[in-house]
Amino acid sequence: MTKKQFVNSKGETWEWEETPEVTKAVARLHETIRELEKKNAPDYGVGK
């Protein structure tokens, strides 16, 4: 397992362990969002 860390501009630290299950779940989430954008809601998504 890989331990990941992110520090935002406010100095808050986020840490997590990246497991194969987490990686697979995130990939599935991104795929679901891509499918929704194509089918039903072209403006759906984070960061748009």
PDB file of N, CA and C in Angstrom:
ATOM      1  N   MET A   1       0.833  -1.187   0.000  1.00  0.00           N
ATOM      2  CA  MET A   1       0.000   0.000   0.000  1.00  0.00           C
ATOM      3  C   MET A   1       0.874   1.246   0.000  1.00  0.00           C
ATOM      4  N   THR A   2       0.380   2.259  -0.646  1.00  0.00           N
ATOM      5  CA  THR A   2       1.081   3.517  -0.726  1.00  0.00           C
ATOM      6  C   THR A   2       0.342   4.552   0.106  1.00  0.00           C
ATOM      7  N   LYS A   3       1.061   5.284   0.913  1.00  0.00           N
ATOM      8  CA  LYS A   3       0.448   6.347   1.696  1.00  0.00           C
ATOM      9  C   LYS A   3       0.600   7.650   0.912  1.00  0.00           C
ATOM     10  N   LYS A   4      -0.503   8.324   0.666  1.00  0.00           N
ATOM     11  CA  LYS A   4      -0.527   9.577  -0.082  1.00  0.00           C
ATOM     12  C   LYS A   4      -0.802  10.739   0.860  1.00  0.00           C
ATOM     13  N   GLN A   5      -0.344  11.916   0.476  1.00  0.00           N
ATOM     14  CA  GLN A   5      -0.553  13.101   1.289  1.00  0.00           C
ATOM     15  C   GLN A   5      -0.787  14.293   0.373  1.00  0.00           C
ATOM     16  N   PHE A   6      -1.713  15.163   0.786  1.00  0.00           N
ATOM     17  CA  PHE A   6      -2.012  16.394   0.063  1.00  0.00           C
ATOM     18  C   PHE A   6      -2.115  17.516   1.079  1.00  0.00           C
ATOM     19  N   VAL A   7      -1.440  18.627   0.808  1.00  0.00           N
ATOM     20  CA  VAL A   7      -1.523  19.807   1.662  1.00  0.00           C
ATOM     21  C   VAL A   7      -2.110  20.927   0.809  1.00  0.00           C
ATOM     22  N   ASN A   8      -3.251  21.484   1.254  1.00  0.00           N
ATOM     23  CA  ASN A   8      -3.877  22.548   0.474  1.00  0.00           C
ATOM     24  C   ASN A   8      -3.262  23.902   0.803  1.00  0.00           C
ATOM     25  N   SER A   9      -3.749  24.943   0.152  1.00  0.00           N
ATOM     26  CA  SER A   9      -3.179  26.281   0.313  1.00  0.00           C
ATOM     27  C   SER A   9      -3.379  26.851   1.715  1.00  0.00           C
ATOM     28  N   LYS A  10      -4.317  26.282   2.471  1.00  0.00           N
ATOM     29  CA  LYS A  10      -4.562  26.741   3.847  1.00  0.00           C
ATOM     30  C   LYS A  10      -3.694  25.996   4.854  1.00  0.00           C
ATOM     31  N   GLY A  11      -2.896  25.051   4.379  1.00  0.00           N
ATOM     32  CA  GLY A  11      -2.027  24.294   5.259  1.00  0.00           C
ATOM     33  C   GLY A  11      -2.663  23.041   5.842  1.00  0.00           C
ATOM     34  N   GLU A  12      -3.898  22.740   5.444  1.00  0.00           N
ATOM     35  CA  GLU A  12      -4.558  21.535   5.922  1.00  0.00           C
ATOM     36  C   GLU A  12      -3.952  20.323   5.213  1.00  0.00           C
ATOM     37  N   THR A  13      -3.697  19.270   5.977  1.00  0.00           N
ATOM     38  CA  THR A  13      -3.079  18.070   5.427  1.00  0.00           C
ATOM     39  C   THR A  13      -4.090  16.938   5.357  1.00  0.00           C
ATOM     40  N   TRP A  14      -4.132  16.284   4.207  1.00  0.00           N
ATOM     41  CA  TRP A  14      -4.995  15.126   3.989  1.00  0.00           C
ATOM     42  C   TRP A  14      -4.078  13.940   3.700  1.00  0.00           C
ATOM     43  N   GLU A  15      -4.272  12.834   4.413  1.00  0.00           N
ATOM     44  CA  GLU A  15      -3.491  11.629   4.194  1.00  0.00           C
ATOM     45  C   GLU A  15      -4.422  10.439   4.018  1.00  0.00           C
ATOM     46  N   TRP A  16      -4.027   9.519   3.138  1.00  0.00           N
ATOM     47  CA  TRP A  16      -4.800   8.313   2.922  1.00  0.00           C
ATOM     48  C   TRP A  16      -3.888   7.217   2.409  1.00  0.00           C
ATOM     49  N   GLU A  17      -4.338   5.988   2.601  1.00  0.00           N
ATOM     50  CA  GLU A  17      -3.622   4.842   2.071  1.00  0.00           C
ATOM     51  C   GLU A  17      -4.287   4.444   0.762  1.00  0.00           C
ATOM     52  N   GLU A  18      -3.486   4.371  -0.290  1.00  0.00           N
ATOM     53  CA  GLU A  18      -4.013   4.040  -1.599  1.00  0.00           C
ATOM     54  C   GLU A  18      -3.898   2.531  -1.813  1.00  0.00           C
ATOM     55  N   THR A  19      -5.022   1.860  -1.731  1.00  0.00           N
ATOM     56  CA  THR A  19      -5.078   0.413  -1.910  1.00  0.00           C
ATOM     57  C   THR A  19      -5.607   0.103  -3.312  1.00  0.00           C
ATOM     58  N   PRO A  20      -5.456  -1.109  -3.760  1.00  0.00           N
ATOM     59  CA  PRO A  20      -6.035  -1.472  -5.063  1.00  0.00           C
ATOM     60  C   PRO A  20      -7.545  -1.242  -5.116  1.00  0.00           C
ATOM     61  N   GLU A  21      -8.220  -1.456  -3.991  1.00  0.00           N
ATOM     62  CA  GLU A  21      -9.664  -1.249  -3.953  1.00  0.00           C
ATOM     63  C   GLU A  21     -10.016   0.222  -4.148  1.00  0.00           C
ATOM     64  N   VAL A  22      -9.260   1.103  -3.504  1.00  0.00           N
ATOM     65  CA  VAL A  22      -9.510   2.543  -3.634  1.00  0.00           C
ATOM     66  C   VAL A  22      -9.251   2.988  -5.076  1.00  0.00           C
ATOM     67  N   THR A  23      -8.159   2.538  -5.646  1.00  0.00           N
ATOM     68  CA  THR A  23      -7.822   2.900  -7.022  1.00  0.00           C
ATOM     69  C   THR A  23      -8.915   2.455  -7.981  1.00  0.00           C
ATOM     70  N   LYS A  24      -9.421   1.237  -7.784  1.00  0.00           N
ATOM     71  CA  LYS A  24     -10.480   0.715  -8.641  1.00  0.00           C
ATOM     72  C   LYS A  24     -11.772   1.523  -8.471  1.00  0.00           C
ATOM     73  N   ALA A  25     -12.110   1.874  -7.235  1.00  0.00           N
ATOM     74  CA  ALA A  25     -13.325   2.645  -6.968  1.00  0.00           C
ATOM     75  C   ALA A  25     -13.258   4.037  -7.595  1.00  0.00           C
ATOM     76  N   VAL A  26     -12.124   4.677  -7.512  1.00  0.00           N
ATOM     77  CA  VAL A  26     -11.966   6.016  -8.106  1.00  0.00           C
ATOM     78  C   VAL A  26     -12.063   5.930  -9.629  1.00  0.00           C
ATOM     79  N   ALA A  27     -11.456   4.914 -10.213  1.00  0.00           N
ATOM     80  CA  ALA A  27     -11.553   4.734 -11.666  1.00  0.00           C
ATOM     81  C   ALA A  27     -13.004   4.531 -12.089  1.00  0.00           C
ATOM     82  N   ARG A  28     -13.750   3.752 -11.307  1.00  0.00           N
ATOM     83  CA  ARG A  28     -15.157   3.519 -11.613  1.00  0.00           C
ATOM     84  C   ARG A  28     -15.968   4.810 -11.484  1.00  0.00           C
ATOM     85  N   LEU A  29     -15.683   5.605 -10.465  1.00  0.00           N
ATOM     86  CA  LEU A  29     -16.359   6.886 -10.281  1.00  0.00           C
ATOM     87  C   LEU A  29     -16.136   7.798 -11.487  1.00  0.00           C
ATOM     88  N   HIS A  30     -14.899   7.892 -11.939  1.00  0.00           N
ATOM     89  CA  HIS A  30     -14.595   8.748 -13.090  1.00  0.00           C
ATOM     90  C   HIS A  30     -15.285   8.242 -14.354  1.00  0.00           C
ATOM     91  N   GLU A  31     -15.342   6.934 -14.525  1.00  0.00           N
ATOM     92  CA  GLU A  31     -16.032   6.366 -15.680  1.00  0.00           C
ATOM     93  C   GLU A  31     -17.519   6.684 -15.628  1.00  0.00           C
ATOM     94  N   THR A  32     -18.125   6.576 -14.460  1.00  0.00           N
ATOM     95  CA  THR A  32     -19.542   6.901 -14.302  1.00  0.00           C
ATOM     96  C   THR A  32     -19.810   8.356 -14.659  1.00  0.00           C
ATOM     97  N   ILE A  33     -18.953   9.244 -14.212  1.00  0.00           N
ATOM     98  CA  ILE A  33     -19.117  10.670 -14.529  1.00  0.00           C
ATOM     99  C   ILE A  33     -19.006  10.901 -16.029  1.00  0.00           C
ATOM    100  N   ARG A  34     -18.037  10.247 -16.680  1.00  0.00           N
ATOM    101  CA  ARG A  34     -17.900  10.393 -18.141  1.00  0.00           C
ATOM    102  C   ARG A  34     -19.158   9.904 -18.861  1.00  0.00           C
ATOM    103  N   GLU A  35     -19.699   8.774 -18.415  1.00  0.00           N
ATOM    104  CA  GLU A  35     -20.920   8.250 -19.034  1.00  0.00           C
ATOM    105  C   GLU A  35     -22.088   9.203 -18.852  1.00  0.00           C
ATOM    106  N   LEU A  36     -22.247   9.769 -17.657  1.00  0.00           N
ATOM    107  CA  LEU A  36     -23.335  10.722 -17.413  1.00  0.00           C
ATOM    108  C   LEU A  36     -23.185  11.965 -18.272  1.00  0.00           C
ATOM    109  N   GLU A  37     -21.962  12.430 -18.435  1.00  0.00           N
ATOM    110  CA  GLU A  37     -21.741  13.619 -19.262  1.00  0.00           C
ATOM    111  C   GLU A  37     -22.136  13.361 -20.709  1.00  0.00           C
ATOM    112  N   LYS A  38     -21.846  12.170 -21.206  1.00  0.00           N
ATOM    113  CA  LYS A  38     -22.175  11.835 -22.595  1.00  0.00           C
ATOM    114  C   LYS A  38     -23.674  11.665 -22.803  1.00  0.00           C
ATOM    115  N   LYS A  39     -24.351  11.018 -21.849  1.00  0.00           N
ATOM    116  CA  LYS A  39     -25.747  10.643 -22.032  1.00  0.00           C
ATOM    117  C   LYS A  39     -26.739  11.739 -21.645  1.00  0.00           C
ATOM    118  N   ASN A  40     -26.696  12.142 -20.379  1.00  0.00           N
ATOM    119  CA  ASN A  40     -27.805  12.920 -19.840  1.00  0.00           C
ATOM    120  C   ASN A  40     -27.486  14.359 -19.505  1.00  0.00           C
ATOM    121  N   ALA A  41     -26.350  14.608 -19.023  1.00  0.00           N
ATOM    122  CA  ALA A  41     -26.063  15.941 -18.479  1.00  0.00           C
ATOM    123  C   ALA A  41     -24.683  16.403 -18.941  1.00  0.00           C
ATOM    124  N   PRO A  42     -24.589  17.040 -20.086  1.00  0.00           N
ATOM    125  CA  PRO A  42     -23.275  17.443 -20.597  1.00  0.00           C
ATOM    126  C   PRO A  42     -22.541  18.427 -19.678  1.00  0.00           C
ATOM    127  N   ASP A  43     -23.241  19.105 -18.788  1.00  0.00           N
ATOM    128  CA  ASP A  43     -22.578  20.048 -17.886  1.00  0.00           C
ATOM    129  C   ASP A  43     -22.349  19.444 -16.507  1.00  0.00           C
ATOM    130  N   TYR A  44     -22.592  18.146 -16.331  1.00  0.00           N
ATOM    131  CA  TYR A  44     -22.412  17.481 -15.040  1.00  0.00           C
ATOM    132  C   TYR A  44     -20.941  17.209 -14.800  1.00  0.00           C
ATOM    133  N   GLY A  45     -20.478  17.460 -13.595  1.00  0.00           N
ATOM    134  CA  GLY A  45     -19.108  17.118 -13.275  1.00  0.00           C
ATOM    135  C   GLY A  45     -18.501  18.094 -12.301  1.00  0.00           C
ATOM    136  N   VAL A  46     -17.378  17.713 -11.776  1.00  0.00           N
ATOM    137  CA  VAL A  46     -16.665  18.525 -10.797  1.00  0.00           C
ATOM    138  C   VAL A  46     -15.637  19.368 -11.536  1.00  0.00           C
ATOM    139  N   GLY A  47     -15.514  20.600 -11.130  1.00  0.00           N
ATOM    140  CA  GLY A  47     -14.477  21.463 -11.682  1.00  0.00           C
ATOM    141  C   GLY A  47     -14.820  22.108 -12.995  1.00  0.00           C
ATOM    142  N   LYS A  48     -16.091  22.169 -13.342  1.00  0.00           N
ATOM    143  CA  LYS A  48     -16.456  22.813 -14.600  1.00  0.00           C
ATOM    144  C   LYS A  48     -17.016  24.184 -14.351  1.00  0.00           C
TER     145      LYS A  48
END
